[in-house]
Amino acid sequence: MARIKKNGNSPHTLVINADNGPENSGVRSQWLKRLVEFSVQGNITIKLAYYPPYHSKYNPIERVFGVLENYWNGDPLRTVEKALGLASGMTYNGIHPVVQQITKLYSTGVKLSNQIRNLYEKALFRLPELRKWFITINPDKAKRICELAECLV
């Protein structure tokens, strides 16, 4: 984030529109913990805005996937290279996507203790009427929470 500039300034807020799938839902503790830590690292406010269930038509990435499926035209994706090549060659609104393979393996089944999970929850501001659907992470509050979490580990 430090390299990104607009009018010579670093961004102060990052808005993430998420689909509320199982890996990035508003109750997924590992996801939220990493976002709290990212907020501190980048000194940036993070706003998570989740699409409600069955509203994928509003999610721009779903539109890109539709274009990609049409571009593939049923061509079998037998290799990673083939998939990456086809994805790199498509355009969406006149723009070629940046395509890269992520090879990092993430551990599954990693859980936070209730004490740590509850602590990280305190770094989140949830709108009372939209608790699962809109979350704000303030870097100053997140920093205090991360410092407390280090003491408990």
N, C-alpha and C. Protein backbone atom coordinates (compact mmCIF):
# COMPACT_ATOMS: atom_id res chain seq x y z
N MET A 1 0.81 -1.19 0.00
CA MET A 1 0.00 0.00 0.00
C MET A 1 0.86 1.26 0.00
N ALA A 2 2.05 1.17 0.57
CA ALA A 2 2.91 2.36 0.67
C ALA A 2 3.30 2.89 -0.71
N ARG A 3 3.35 2.00 -1.72
CA ARG A 3 3.75 2.44 -3.05
C ARG A 3 2.61 3.09 -3.82
N ILE A 4 1.37 2.86 -3.38
CA ILE A 4 0.22 3.41 -4.08
C ILE A 4 0.04 4.86 -3.67
N LYS A 5 -0.06 5.74 -4.64
CA LYS A 5 -0.22 7.16 -4.36
C LYS A 5 -1.31 7.73 -5.27
N LYS A 6 -2.04 8.69 -4.73
CA LYS A 6 -2.98 9.47 -5.53
C LYS A 6 -2.78 10.92 -5.12
N ASN A 7 -2.46 11.75 -6.09
CA ASN A 7 -2.14 13.16 -5.82
C ASN A 7 -1.01 13.27 -4.80
N GLY A 8 -0.09 12.32 -4.85
CA GLY A 8 1.07 12.34 -3.96
C GLY A 8 0.82 11.80 -2.56
N ASN A 9 -0.39 11.36 -2.28
CA ASN A 9 -0.74 10.88 -0.95
C ASN A 9 -1.05 9.39 -0.96
N SER A 10 -0.70 8.72 0.14
CA SER A 10 -1.08 7.32 0.30
C SER A 10 -2.56 7.26 0.65
N PRO A 11 -3.23 6.17 0.28
CA PRO A 11 -4.66 6.06 0.62
C PRO A 11 -4.86 5.95 2.12
N HIS A 12 -5.98 6.47 2.61
CA HIS A 12 -6.27 6.38 4.04
C HIS A 12 -7.36 5.35 4.32
N THR A 13 -8.08 4.93 3.26
CA THR A 13 -9.17 3.96 3.43
C THR A 13 -9.15 2.97 2.28
N LEU A 14 -9.35 1.71 2.63
CA LEU A 14 -9.47 0.64 1.65
C LEU A 14 -10.86 0.04 1.82
N VAL A 15 -11.66 0.07 0.76
CA VAL A 15 -12.99 -0.52 0.79
C VAL A 15 -12.92 -1.85 0.04
N ILE A 16 -13.34 -2.91 0.71
CA ILE A 16 -13.35 -4.24 0.10
C ILE A 16 -14.81 -4.68 -0.02
N ASN A 17 -15.26 -4.87 -1.24
CA ASN A 17 -16.59 -5.43 -1.49
C ASN A 17 -16.41 -6.94 -1.60
N ALA A 18 -16.99 -7.67 -0.65
CA ALA A 18 -16.78 -9.11 -0.58
C ALA A 18 -18.09 -9.86 -0.75
N ASP A 19 -17.99 -11.11 -1.17
CA ASP A 19 -19.18 -11.89 -1.47
C ASP A 19 -19.70 -12.68 -0.27
N ASN A 20 -19.04 -12.59 0.87
CA ASN A 20 -19.45 -13.28 2.09
C ASN A 20 -19.39 -14.80 1.93
N GLY A 21 -18.47 -15.26 1.09
CA GLY A 21 -18.26 -16.70 0.95
C GLY A 21 -17.59 -17.27 2.19
N PRO A 22 -17.40 -18.56 2.24
CA PRO A 22 -16.89 -19.20 3.46
C PRO A 22 -15.48 -18.78 3.85
N GLU A 23 -14.66 -18.37 2.91
CA GLU A 23 -13.27 -18.01 3.24
C GLU A 23 -13.10 -16.56 3.66
N ASN A 24 -14.07 -15.71 3.37
CA ASN A 24 -13.92 -14.28 3.68
C ASN A 24 -15.17 -13.67 4.30
N SER A 25 -15.90 -14.48 5.04
CA SER A 25 -17.14 -13.97 5.62
C SER A 25 -16.85 -13.04 6.80
N GLY A 26 -17.87 -12.33 7.21
CA GLY A 26 -17.74 -11.38 8.31
C GLY A 26 -17.62 -12.03 9.68
N VAL A 27 -17.61 -13.36 9.71
CA VAL A 27 -17.41 -14.07 10.98
C VAL A 27 -16.19 -14.99 10.93
N ARG A 28 -15.47 -14.97 9.84
CA ARG A 28 -14.28 -15.84 9.67
C ARG A 28 -13.11 -15.24 10.43
N SER A 29 -12.73 -15.85 11.55
CA SER A 29 -11.76 -15.23 12.47
C SER A 29 -10.36 -15.06 11.86
N GLN A 30 -9.86 -16.03 11.11
CA GLN A 30 -8.52 -15.89 10.51
C GLN A 30 -8.49 -14.74 9.50
N TRP A 31 -9.52 -14.64 8.69
CA TRP A 31 -9.63 -13.56 7.69
C TRP A 31 -9.65 -12.21 8.39
N LEU A 32 -10.49 -12.08 9.40
CA LEU A 32 -10.61 -10.81 10.11
C LEU A 32 -9.34 -10.46 10.86
N LYS A 33 -8.69 -11.45 11.46
CA LYS A 33 -7.41 -11.22 12.16
C LYS A 33 -6.38 -10.67 11.18
N ARG A 34 -6.29 -11.27 9.99
CA ARG A 34 -5.31 -10.79 9.00
C ARG A 34 -5.64 -9.38 8.53
N LEU A 35 -6.91 -9.07 8.40
CA LEU A 35 -7.28 -7.71 7.99
C LEU A 35 -6.96 -6.69 9.08
N VAL A 36 -7.16 -7.06 10.34
CA VAL A 36 -6.79 -6.18 11.45
C VAL A 36 -5.29 -5.91 11.40
N GLU A 37 -4.50 -6.95 11.21
CA GLU A 37 -3.04 -6.80 11.15
C GLU A 37 -2.63 -5.98 9.92
N PHE A 38 -3.32 -6.18 8.79
CA PHE A 38 -3.03 -5.41 7.58
C PHE A 38 -3.34 -3.93 7.79
N SER A 39 -4.41 -3.65 8.51
CA SER A 39 -4.78 -2.27 8.81
C SER A 39 -3.66 -1.58 9.59
N VAL A 40 -3.09 -2.30 10.55
CA VAL A 40 -1.98 -1.75 11.35
C VAL A 40 -0.75 -1.56 10.47
N GLN A 41 -0.41 -2.59 9.72
CA GLN A 41 0.79 -2.55 8.88
C GLN A 41 0.74 -1.40 7.87
N GLY A 42 -0.42 -1.19 7.27
CA GLY A 42 -0.55 -0.14 6.25
C GLY A 42 -1.05 1.18 6.81
N ASN A 43 -1.34 1.22 8.11
CA ASN A 43 -1.93 2.42 8.74
C ASN A 43 -3.11 2.92 7.91
N ILE A 44 -4.04 2.01 7.66
CA ILE A 44 -5.15 2.30 6.76
C ILE A 44 -6.46 1.79 7.37
N THR A 45 -7.51 2.59 7.21
CA THR A 45 -8.84 2.15 7.62
C THR A 45 -9.36 1.18 6.57
N ILE A 46 -9.93 0.08 7.03
CA ILE A 46 -10.49 -0.91 6.12
C ILE A 46 -11.99 -0.97 6.35
N LYS A 47 -12.74 -0.90 5.26
CA LYS A 47 -14.19 -1.04 5.31
C LYS A 47 -14.57 -2.27 4.50
N LEU A 48 -15.19 -3.23 5.16
CA LEU A 48 -15.65 -4.44 4.50
C LEU A 48 -17.15 -4.29 4.23
N ALA A 49 -17.53 -4.34 2.98
CA ALA A 49 -18.94 -4.26 2.60
C ALA A 49 -19.28 -5.57 1.89
N TYR A 50 -20.14 -6.34 2.51
CA TYR A 50 -20.49 -7.66 1.98
C TYR A 50 -21.77 -7.60 1.16
N TYR A 51 -21.75 -8.31 0.03
CA TYR A 51 -22.95 -8.46 -0.76
C TYR A 51 -23.88 -9.42 -0.02
N PRO A 52 -25.19 -9.15 -0.04
CA PRO A 52 -26.12 -10.09 0.60
C PRO A 52 -26.19 -11.40 -0.18
N PRO A 53 -26.68 -12.46 0.44
CA PRO A 53 -26.78 -13.75 -0.26
C PRO A 53 -27.60 -13.62 -1.55
N TYR A 54 -27.17 -14.36 -2.56
CA TYR A 54 -27.86 -14.46 -3.84
C TYR A 54 -27.89 -13.13 -4.60
N HIS A 55 -26.91 -12.28 -4.37
CA HIS A 55 -26.82 -11.02 -5.09
C HIS A 55 -25.50 -10.90 -5.85
N SER A 56 -25.02 -12.02 -6.36
CA SER A 56 -23.74 -12.01 -7.07
C SER A 56 -23.78 -11.15 -8.32
N LYS A 57 -24.98 -10.86 -8.83
CA LYS A 57 -25.07 -10.02 -10.04
C LYS A 57 -24.51 -8.63 -9.81
N TYR A 58 -24.42 -8.20 -8.56
CA TYR A 58 -23.87 -6.88 -8.25
C TYR A 58 -22.36 -6.92 -8.06
N ASN A 59 -21.78 -8.10 -8.00
CA ASN A 59 -20.36 -8.26 -7.76
C ASN A 59 -19.61 -8.19 -9.10
N PRO A 60 -18.77 -7.16 -9.29
CA PRO A 60 -18.08 -7.01 -10.58
C PRO A 60 -17.25 -8.23 -10.98
N ILE A 61 -16.68 -8.95 -10.03
CA ILE A 61 -15.84 -10.10 -10.39
C ILE A 61 -16.69 -11.18 -11.07
N GLU A 62 -17.95 -11.28 -10.68
CA GLU A 62 -18.83 -12.26 -11.33
C GLU A 62 -19.04 -11.90 -12.80
N ARG A 63 -19.09 -10.63 -13.11
CA ARG A 63 -19.22 -10.20 -14.51
C ARG A 63 -17.95 -10.56 -15.29
N VAL A 64 -16.81 -10.39 -14.65
CA VAL A 64 -15.54 -10.74 -15.30
C VAL A 64 -15.51 -12.25 -15.55
N PHE A 65 -15.96 -13.05 -14.58
CA PHE A 65 -15.98 -14.50 -14.79
C PHE A 65 -16.87 -14.88 -15.97
N GLY A 66 -17.99 -14.17 -16.13
CA GLY A 66 -18.87 -14.43 -17.28
C GLY A 66 -18.17 -14.15 -18.59
N VAL A 67 -17.44 -13.05 -18.67
CA VAL A 67 -16.67 -12.72 -19.88
C VAL A 67 -15.59 -13.76 -20.12
N LEU A 68 -14.93 -14.18 -19.04
CA LEU A 68 -13.88 -15.18 -19.15
C LEU A 68 -14.44 -16.50 -19.66
N GLU A 69 -15.58 -16.93 -19.15
CA GLU A 69 -16.20 -18.18 -19.63
C GLU A 69 -16.53 -18.09 -21.11
N ASN A 70 -17.03 -16.94 -21.55
CA ASN A 70 -17.31 -16.77 -22.99
C ASN A 70 -16.02 -16.80 -23.80
N TYR A 71 -14.96 -16.18 -23.28
CA TYR A 71 -13.68 -16.16 -23.99
C TYR A 71 -13.10 -17.56 -24.11
N TRP A 72 -13.22 -18.36 -23.06
CA TRP A 72 -12.73 -19.74 -23.11
C TRP A 72 -13.51 -20.57 -24.10
N ASN A 73 -14.79 -20.26 -24.26
CA ASN A 73 -15.64 -20.93 -25.23
C ASN A 73 -15.60 -22.45 -25.10
N GLY A 74 -15.60 -22.95 -23.87
CA GLY A 74 -15.63 -24.39 -23.64
C GLY A 74 -14.32 -25.10 -23.86
N ASP A 75 -13.24 -24.37 -24.14
CA ASP A 75 -11.93 -24.98 -24.35
C ASP A 75 -11.49 -25.68 -23.06
N PRO A 76 -11.12 -26.96 -23.11
CA PRO A 76 -10.70 -27.65 -21.88
C PRO A 76 -9.43 -27.03 -21.30
N LEU A 77 -9.44 -26.81 -20.01
CA LEU A 77 -8.28 -26.25 -19.31
C LEU A 77 -7.49 -27.40 -18.71
N ARG A 78 -6.60 -27.97 -19.51
CA ARG A 78 -5.88 -29.17 -19.09
C ARG A 78 -4.61 -28.86 -18.31
N THR A 79 -4.12 -27.63 -18.42
CA THR A 79 -2.89 -27.27 -17.70
C THR A 79 -3.07 -25.90 -17.06
N VAL A 80 -2.26 -25.64 -16.06
CA VAL A 80 -2.26 -24.33 -15.41
C VAL A 80 -1.86 -23.27 -16.43
N GLU A 81 -0.86 -23.59 -17.25
CA GLU A 81 -0.39 -22.64 -18.25
C GLU A 81 -1.50 -22.24 -19.22
N LYS A 82 -2.30 -23.21 -19.61
CA LYS A 82 -3.41 -22.94 -20.53
C LYS A 82 -4.42 -21.99 -19.87
N ALA A 83 -4.77 -22.27 -18.62
CA ALA A 83 -5.72 -21.42 -17.90
C ALA A 83 -5.18 -20.00 -17.74
N LEU A 84 -3.90 -19.89 -17.36
CA LEU A 84 -3.30 -18.57 -17.19
C LEU A 84 -3.22 -17.82 -18.52
N GLY A 85 -2.89 -18.54 -19.57
CA GLY A 85 -2.80 -17.92 -20.89
C GLY A 85 -4.14 -17.40 -21.38
N LEU A 86 -5.19 -18.20 -21.22
CA LEU A 86 -6.51 -17.75 -21.65
C LEU A 86 -6.99 -16.58 -20.80
N ALA A 87 -6.76 -16.64 -19.49
CA ALA A 87 -7.17 -15.54 -18.62
C ALA A 87 -6.42 -14.26 -18.97
N SER A 88 -5.13 -14.38 -19.30
CA SER A 88 -4.33 -13.20 -19.65
C SER A 88 -4.77 -12.59 -20.98
N GLY A 89 -5.28 -13.42 -21.89
CA GLY A 89 -5.63 -12.96 -23.21
C GLY A 89 -6.99 -12.29 -23.30
N MET A 90 -7.85 -12.49 -22.34
CA MET A 90 -9.19 -11.89 -22.40
C MET A 90 -9.14 -10.40 -22.09
N THR A 91 -10.20 -9.71 -22.40
CA THR A 91 -10.32 -8.30 -22.01
C THR A 91 -11.68 -8.09 -21.36
N TYR A 92 -11.72 -7.16 -20.43
CA TYR A 92 -12.97 -6.76 -19.78
C TYR A 92 -12.99 -5.24 -19.79
N ASN A 93 -13.98 -4.69 -20.44
CA ASN A 93 -14.06 -3.23 -20.62
C ASN A 93 -12.78 -2.67 -21.24
N GLY A 94 -12.21 -3.43 -22.19
CA GLY A 94 -11.02 -2.99 -22.90
C GLY A 94 -9.72 -3.15 -22.14
N ILE A 95 -9.74 -3.82 -21.00
CA ILE A 95 -8.54 -3.96 -20.17
C ILE A 95 -8.19 -5.44 -20.04
N HIS A 96 -6.90 -5.75 -20.22
CA HIS A 96 -6.42 -7.11 -19.97
C HIS A 96 -6.16 -7.25 -18.46
N PRO A 97 -6.62 -8.35 -17.87
CA PRO A 97 -6.36 -8.52 -16.43
C PRO A 97 -4.90 -8.86 -16.15
N VAL A 98 -4.47 -8.56 -14.95
CA VAL A 98 -3.16 -9.00 -14.48
C VAL A 98 -3.39 -10.40 -13.90
N VAL A 99 -2.73 -11.39 -14.47
CA VAL A 99 -2.97 -12.78 -14.08
C VAL A 99 -1.68 -13.37 -13.55
N GLN A 100 -1.76 -13.97 -12.37
CA GLN A 100 -0.58 -14.66 -11.83
C GLN A 100 -1.04 -15.85 -11.01
N GLN A 101 -0.20 -16.87 -10.99
CA GLN A 101 -0.50 -18.06 -10.21
C GLN A 101 0.03 -17.85 -8.79
N ILE A 102 -0.80 -18.14 -7.82
CA ILE A 102 -0.39 -18.06 -6.42
C ILE A 102 -0.07 -19.48 -5.97
N THR A 103 1.16 -19.68 -5.56
CA THR A 103 1.59 -21.04 -5.20
C THR A 103 1.74 -21.24 -3.69
N LYS A 104 1.55 -20.16 -2.92
CA LYS A 104 1.67 -20.27 -1.48
C LYS A 104 0.56 -21.18 -0.94
N LEU A 105 0.92 -22.09 -0.07
CA LEU A 105 -0.06 -22.96 0.55
C LEU A 105 -0.46 -22.38 1.90
N TYR A 106 -1.74 -22.34 2.14
CA TYR A 106 -2.26 -21.85 3.41
C TYR A 106 -2.73 -23.04 4.23
N SER A 107 -2.39 -23.02 5.50
CA SER A 107 -2.81 -24.09 6.39
C SER A 107 -4.31 -24.04 6.58
N THR A 108 -4.91 -25.21 6.66
CA THR A 108 -6.34 -25.28 6.94
C THR A 108 -6.52 -25.76 8.38
N GLY A 109 -7.68 -25.48 8.91
CA GLY A 109 -7.98 -25.93 10.26
C GLY A 109 -7.31 -25.13 11.36
N VAL A 110 -6.66 -24.01 11.03
CA VAL A 110 -6.02 -23.17 12.04
C VAL A 110 -7.11 -22.38 12.73
N LYS A 111 -7.14 -22.44 14.05
CA LYS A 111 -8.18 -21.75 14.80
C LYS A 111 -7.56 -20.84 15.84
N LEU A 112 -8.24 -19.74 16.08
CA LEU A 112 -7.84 -18.84 17.16
C LEU A 112 -8.51 -19.31 18.45
N SER A 113 -7.84 -19.11 19.55
CA SER A 113 -8.49 -19.41 20.83
C SER A 113 -9.65 -18.42 21.00
N ASN A 114 -10.61 -18.78 21.81
CA ASN A 114 -11.74 -17.88 22.06
C ASN A 114 -11.26 -16.54 22.60
N GLN A 115 -10.25 -16.57 23.46
CA GLN A 115 -9.73 -15.34 24.06
C GLN A 115 -9.16 -14.41 22.99
N ILE A 116 -8.35 -14.97 22.09
CA ILE A 116 -7.74 -14.17 21.01
C ILE A 116 -8.81 -13.71 20.02
N ARG A 117 -9.72 -14.61 19.65
CA ARG A 117 -10.79 -14.25 18.71
C ARG A 117 -11.64 -13.10 19.27
N ASN A 118 -11.99 -13.19 20.54
CA ASN A 118 -12.78 -12.12 21.16
C ASN A 118 -12.01 -10.80 21.21
N LEU A 119 -10.70 -10.89 21.40
CA LEU A 119 -9.88 -9.70 21.43
C LEU A 119 -9.86 -9.03 20.05
N TYR A 120 -9.64 -9.81 18.99
CA TYR A 120 -9.63 -9.25 17.64
C TYR A 120 -11.00 -8.70 17.26
N GLU A 121 -12.05 -9.29 17.77
CA GLU A 121 -13.41 -8.79 17.51
C GLU A 121 -13.56 -7.35 18.00
N LYS A 122 -12.83 -7.01 19.06
CA LYS A 122 -12.90 -5.64 19.61
C LYS A 122 -12.28 -4.61 18.67
N ALA A 123 -11.51 -5.05 17.70
CA ALA A 123 -10.92 -4.13 16.72
C ALA A 123 -11.89 -3.80 15.61
N LEU A 124 -13.03 -4.49 15.58
CA LEU A 124 -14.00 -4.33 14.52
C LEU A 124 -15.15 -3.45 14.97
N PHE A 125 -15.55 -2.53 14.12
CA PHE A 125 -16.78 -1.78 14.36
C PHE A 125 -17.81 -2.32 13.39
N ARG A 126 -18.88 -2.88 13.93
CA ARG A 126 -19.95 -3.44 13.11
C ARG A 126 -21.17 -2.53 13.23
N LEU A 127 -21.71 -2.13 12.10
CA LEU A 127 -22.94 -1.34 12.14
C LEU A 127 -24.03 -2.17 12.81
N PRO A 128 -24.69 -1.63 13.82
CA PRO A 128 -25.67 -2.42 14.58
C PRO A 128 -26.73 -3.11 13.71
N GLU A 129 -27.25 -2.43 12.71
CA GLU A 129 -28.29 -3.03 11.89
C GLU A 129 -27.74 -3.91 10.76
N LEU A 130 -26.44 -3.87 10.55
CA LEU A 130 -25.80 -4.65 9.48
C LEU A 130 -24.57 -5.38 10.00
N ARG A 131 -24.66 -6.01 11.14
CA ARG A 131 -23.50 -6.58 11.84
C ARG A 131 -22.63 -7.47 10.96
N LYS A 132 -23.23 -8.37 10.20
CA LYS A 132 -22.46 -9.28 9.36
C LYS A 132 -22.09 -8.66 8.03
N TRP A 133 -22.70 -7.55 7.66
CA TRP A 133 -22.61 -7.06 6.30
C TRP A 133 -21.73 -5.83 6.13
N PHE A 134 -21.41 -5.13 7.22
CA PHE A 134 -20.56 -3.95 7.07
C PHE A 134 -19.68 -3.79 8.31
N ILE A 135 -18.37 -3.84 8.10
CA ILE A 135 -17.39 -3.82 9.19
C ILE A 135 -16.34 -2.77 8.87
N THR A 136 -15.96 -1.99 9.88
CA THR A 136 -14.88 -1.01 9.73
C THR A 136 -13.77 -1.37 10.71
N ILE A 137 -12.53 -1.31 10.21
CA ILE A 137 -11.35 -1.54 11.04
C ILE A 137 -10.53 -0.27 11.04
N ASN A 138 -10.37 0.34 12.21
CA ASN A 138 -9.59 1.56 12.37
C ASN A 138 -8.16 1.18 12.76
N PRO A 139 -7.13 1.70 12.08
CA PRO A 139 -5.76 1.26 12.36
C PRO A 139 -5.28 1.58 13.78
N ASP A 140 -5.73 2.69 14.36
CA ASP A 140 -5.29 3.03 15.71
C ASP A 140 -5.83 2.04 16.73
N LYS A 141 -7.11 1.74 16.63
CA LYS A 141 -7.71 0.76 17.53
C LYS A 141 -7.12 -0.63 17.26
N ALA A 142 -6.92 -0.96 16.00
CA ALA A 142 -6.36 -2.25 15.63
C ALA A 142 -4.95 -2.42 16.20
N LYS A 143 -4.18 -1.34 16.21
CA LYS A 143 -2.81 -1.42 16.74
C LYS A 143 -2.83 -1.78 18.23
N ARG A 144 -3.72 -1.16 18.99
CA ARG A 144 -3.83 -1.49 20.42
C ARG A 144 -4.22 -2.94 20.63
N ILE A 145 -5.13 -3.43 19.80
CA ILE A 145 -5.58 -4.82 19.91
C ILE A 145 -4.44 -5.77 19.56
N CYS A 146 -3.70 -5.48 18.50
CA CYS A 146 -2.57 -6.34 18.11
C CYS A 146 -1.51 -6.38 19.19
N GLU A 147 -1.26 -5.26 19.83
CA GLU A 147 -0.28 -5.23 20.92
C GLU A 147 -0.75 -6.10 22.09
N LEU A 148 -2.03 -6.04 22.41
CA LEU A 148 -2.57 -6.89 23.47
C LEU A 148 -2.51 -8.36 23.08
N ALA A 149 -2.80 -8.67 21.83
CA ALA A 149 -2.79 -10.06 21.36
C ALA A 149 -1.38 -10.64 21.46
N GLU A 150 -0.35 -9.84 21.18
CA GLU A 150 1.02 -10.34 21.29
C GLU A 150 1.35 -10.75 22.72
N CYS A 151 0.80 -10.03 23.67
CA CYS A 151 1.03 -10.37 25.08
C CYS A 151 0.40 -11.69 25.47
N LEU A 152 -0.67 -12.08 24.79
CA LEU A 152 -1.39 -13.30 25.14
C LEU A 152 -0.84 -14.53 24.45
N VAL A 153 -0.03 -14.33 23.41
CA VAL A 153 0.48 -15.49 22.65
C VAL A 153 1.70 -16.07 23.31
